[in-house]
Amino acid sequence: MAFRTILTVAGPNKGDGDLKLAAGLCTEIGAHLAVLVVAVAAPPPVGEYAAVVSEAWLEERQAGENLLKKRTAA
């Protein structure tokens, strides 16, 4: 039974070595490559200080999303 699809999971701050390795393997066996780029986001603030720190949390979240977009565009 041959593999038809290979999934590789990548982060926004990693190099392309793992992707090149997975792509080479897929080329070798004639499989499809699926790439999942993930990052861990901080949970939103809760409690009585949530209104004060929510702006900083939102900015951090936007920066994380921008990193993911940059990584998936490469």
C-alpha atoms as a PDB file:
ATOM      1  CA  MET A   1       0.000   0.000   0.000  1.00  0.00           C
ATOM      2  CA  ALA A   2       1.603   3.236  -1.146  1.00  0.00           C
ATOM      3  CA  PHE A   3       1.180   6.614   0.505  1.00  0.00           C
ATOM      4  CA  ARG A   4      -0.698   9.090  -1.695  1.00  0.00           C
ATOM      5  CA  THR A   5      -0.629  12.123   0.596  1.00  0.00           C
ATOM      6  CA  ILE A   6       1.967  13.256   3.111  1.00  0.00           C
ATOM      7  CA  LEU A   7       1.134  15.876   5.730  1.00  0.00           C
ATOM      8  CA  THR A   8       3.868  18.021   7.231  1.00  0.00           C
ATOM      9  CA  VAL A   9       3.274  20.483  10.056  1.00  0.00           C
ATOM     10  CA  ALA A  10       5.362  23.670  10.086  1.00  0.00           C
ATOM     11  CA  GLY A  11       5.625  26.705  12.333  1.00  0.00           C
ATOM     12  CA  PRO A  12       5.991  30.343  11.327  1.00  0.00           C
ATOM     13  CA  ASN A  13       9.558  30.654  12.665  1.00  0.00           C
ATOM     14  CA  LYS A  14      11.049  27.499  11.161  1.00  0.00           C
ATOM     15  CA  GLY A  15      13.253  27.202   8.099  1.00  0.00           C
ATOM     16  CA  ASP A  16      12.306  25.518   4.855  1.00  0.00           C
ATOM     17  CA  GLY A  17      14.462  22.413   5.396  1.00  0.00           C
ATOM     18  CA  ASP A  18      11.579  20.271   6.598  1.00  0.00           C
ATOM     19  CA  LEU A  19       9.419  21.376   3.666  1.00  0.00           C
ATOM     20  CA  LYS A  20      12.159  20.607   1.146  1.00  0.00           C
ATOM     21  CA  LEU A  21      12.653  17.171   2.694  1.00  0.00           C
ATOM     22  CA  ALA A  22       8.925  16.423   2.553  1.00  0.00           C
ATOM     23  CA  ALA A  23       8.669  17.721  -1.019  1.00  0.00           C
ATOM     24  CA  GLY A  24      11.596  15.547  -2.084  1.00  0.00           C
ATOM     25  CA  LEU A  25      10.003  12.502  -0.504  1.00  0.00           C
ATOM     26  CA  CYS A  26       6.712  13.231  -2.256  1.00  0.00           C
ATOM     27  CA  THR A  27       8.494  13.593  -5.577  1.00  0.00           C
ATOM     28  CA  GLU A  28      10.300  10.310  -5.012  1.00  0.00           C
ATOM     29  CA  ILE A  29       7.162   8.296  -4.261  1.00  0.00           C
ATOM     30  CA  GLY A  30       4.702  10.283  -6.399  1.00  0.00           C
ATOM     31  CA  ALA A  31       2.629  11.537  -3.475  1.00  0.00           C
ATOM     32  CA  HIS A  32       0.750  14.768  -2.783  1.00  0.00           C
ATOM     33  CA  LEU A  33       2.155  17.140  -0.141  1.00  0.00           C
ATOM     34  CA  ALA A  34      -0.167  18.885   2.316  1.00  0.00           C
ATOM     35  CA  VAL A  35       1.352  21.545   4.573  1.00  0.00           C
ATOM     36  CA  LEU A  36      -0.249  22.765   7.796  1.00  0.00           C
ATOM     37  CA  VAL A  37       1.290  25.926   9.259  1.00  0.00           C
ATOM     38  CA  VAL A  38       0.353  26.419  12.919  1.00  0.00           C
ATOM     39  CA  ALA A  39       1.225  28.712  15.804  1.00  0.00           C
ATOM     40  CA  VAL A  40       0.099  28.820  19.410  1.00  0.00           C
ATOM     41  CA  ALA A  41      -1.804  31.969  20.316  1.00  0.00           C
ATOM     42  CA  ALA A  42      -2.064  33.369  23.815  1.00  0.00           C
ATOM     43  CA  PRO A  43      -5.571  33.113  25.271  1.00  0.00           C
ATOM     44  CA  PRO A  44      -7.548  36.335  25.555  1.00  0.00           C
ATOM     45  CA  PRO A  45      -7.317  38.081  28.923  1.00  0.00           C
ATOM     46  CA  VAL A  46     -10.108  37.523  31.436  1.00  0.00           C
ATOM     47  CA  GLY A  47     -11.064  39.161  34.687  1.00  0.00           C
ATOM     48  CA  GLU A  48     -11.374  42.750  35.792  1.00  0.00           C
ATOM     49  CA  TYR A  49      -8.195  43.839  33.939  1.00  0.00           C
ATOM     50  CA  ALA A  50      -9.304  42.395  30.604  1.00  0.00           C
ATOM     51  CA  ALA A  51     -10.353  45.784  29.226  1.00  0.00           C
ATOM     52  CA  VAL A  52      -6.937  47.273  30.009  1.00  0.00           C
ATOM     53  CA  VAL A  53      -4.766  44.564  28.486  1.00  0.00           C
ATOM     54  CA  SER A  54      -7.016  43.562  25.600  1.00  0.00           C
ATOM     55  CA  GLU A  55      -5.340  46.128  23.326  1.00  0.00           C
ATOM     56  CA  ALA A  56      -1.909  44.560  23.923  1.00  0.00           C
ATOM     57  CA  TRP A  57      -3.351  41.075  23.438  1.00  0.00           C
ATOM     58  CA  LEU A  58      -4.966  42.129  20.176  1.00  0.00           C
ATOM     59  CA  GLU A  59      -1.676  43.568  18.888  1.00  0.00           C
ATOM     60  CA  GLU A  60       0.167  40.365  19.826  1.00  0.00           C
ATOM     61  CA  ARG A  61      -2.501  38.307  18.108  1.00  0.00           C
ATOM     62  CA  GLN A  62      -2.256  40.431  14.939  1.00  0.00           C
ATOM     63  CA  ALA A  63       1.531  40.025  14.911  1.00  0.00           C
ATOM     64  CA  GLY A  64       1.117  36.255  15.164  1.00  0.00           C
ATOM     65  CA  GLU A  65      -1.392  36.215  12.323  1.00  0.00           C
ATOM     66  CA  ASN A  66       0.975  38.294  10.182  1.00  0.00           C
ATOM     67  CA  LEU A  67       3.759  35.753  10.796  1.00  0.00           C
ATOM     68  CA  LEU A  68       1.456  32.934   9.705  1.00  0.00           C
ATOM     69  CA  LYS A  69       0.441  34.808   6.556  1.00  0.00           C
ATOM     70  CA  LYS A  70       4.092  35.487   5.722  1.00  0.00           C
ATOM     71  CA  ARG A  71       4.990  31.807   6.218  1.00  0.00           C
ATOM     72  CA  THR A  72       2.135  30.524   4.063  1.00  0.00           C
ATOM     73  CA  ALA A  73       2.963  32.987   1.276  1.00  0.00           C
ATOM     74  CA  ALA A  74       6.538  31.660   0.982  1.00  0.00           C
END
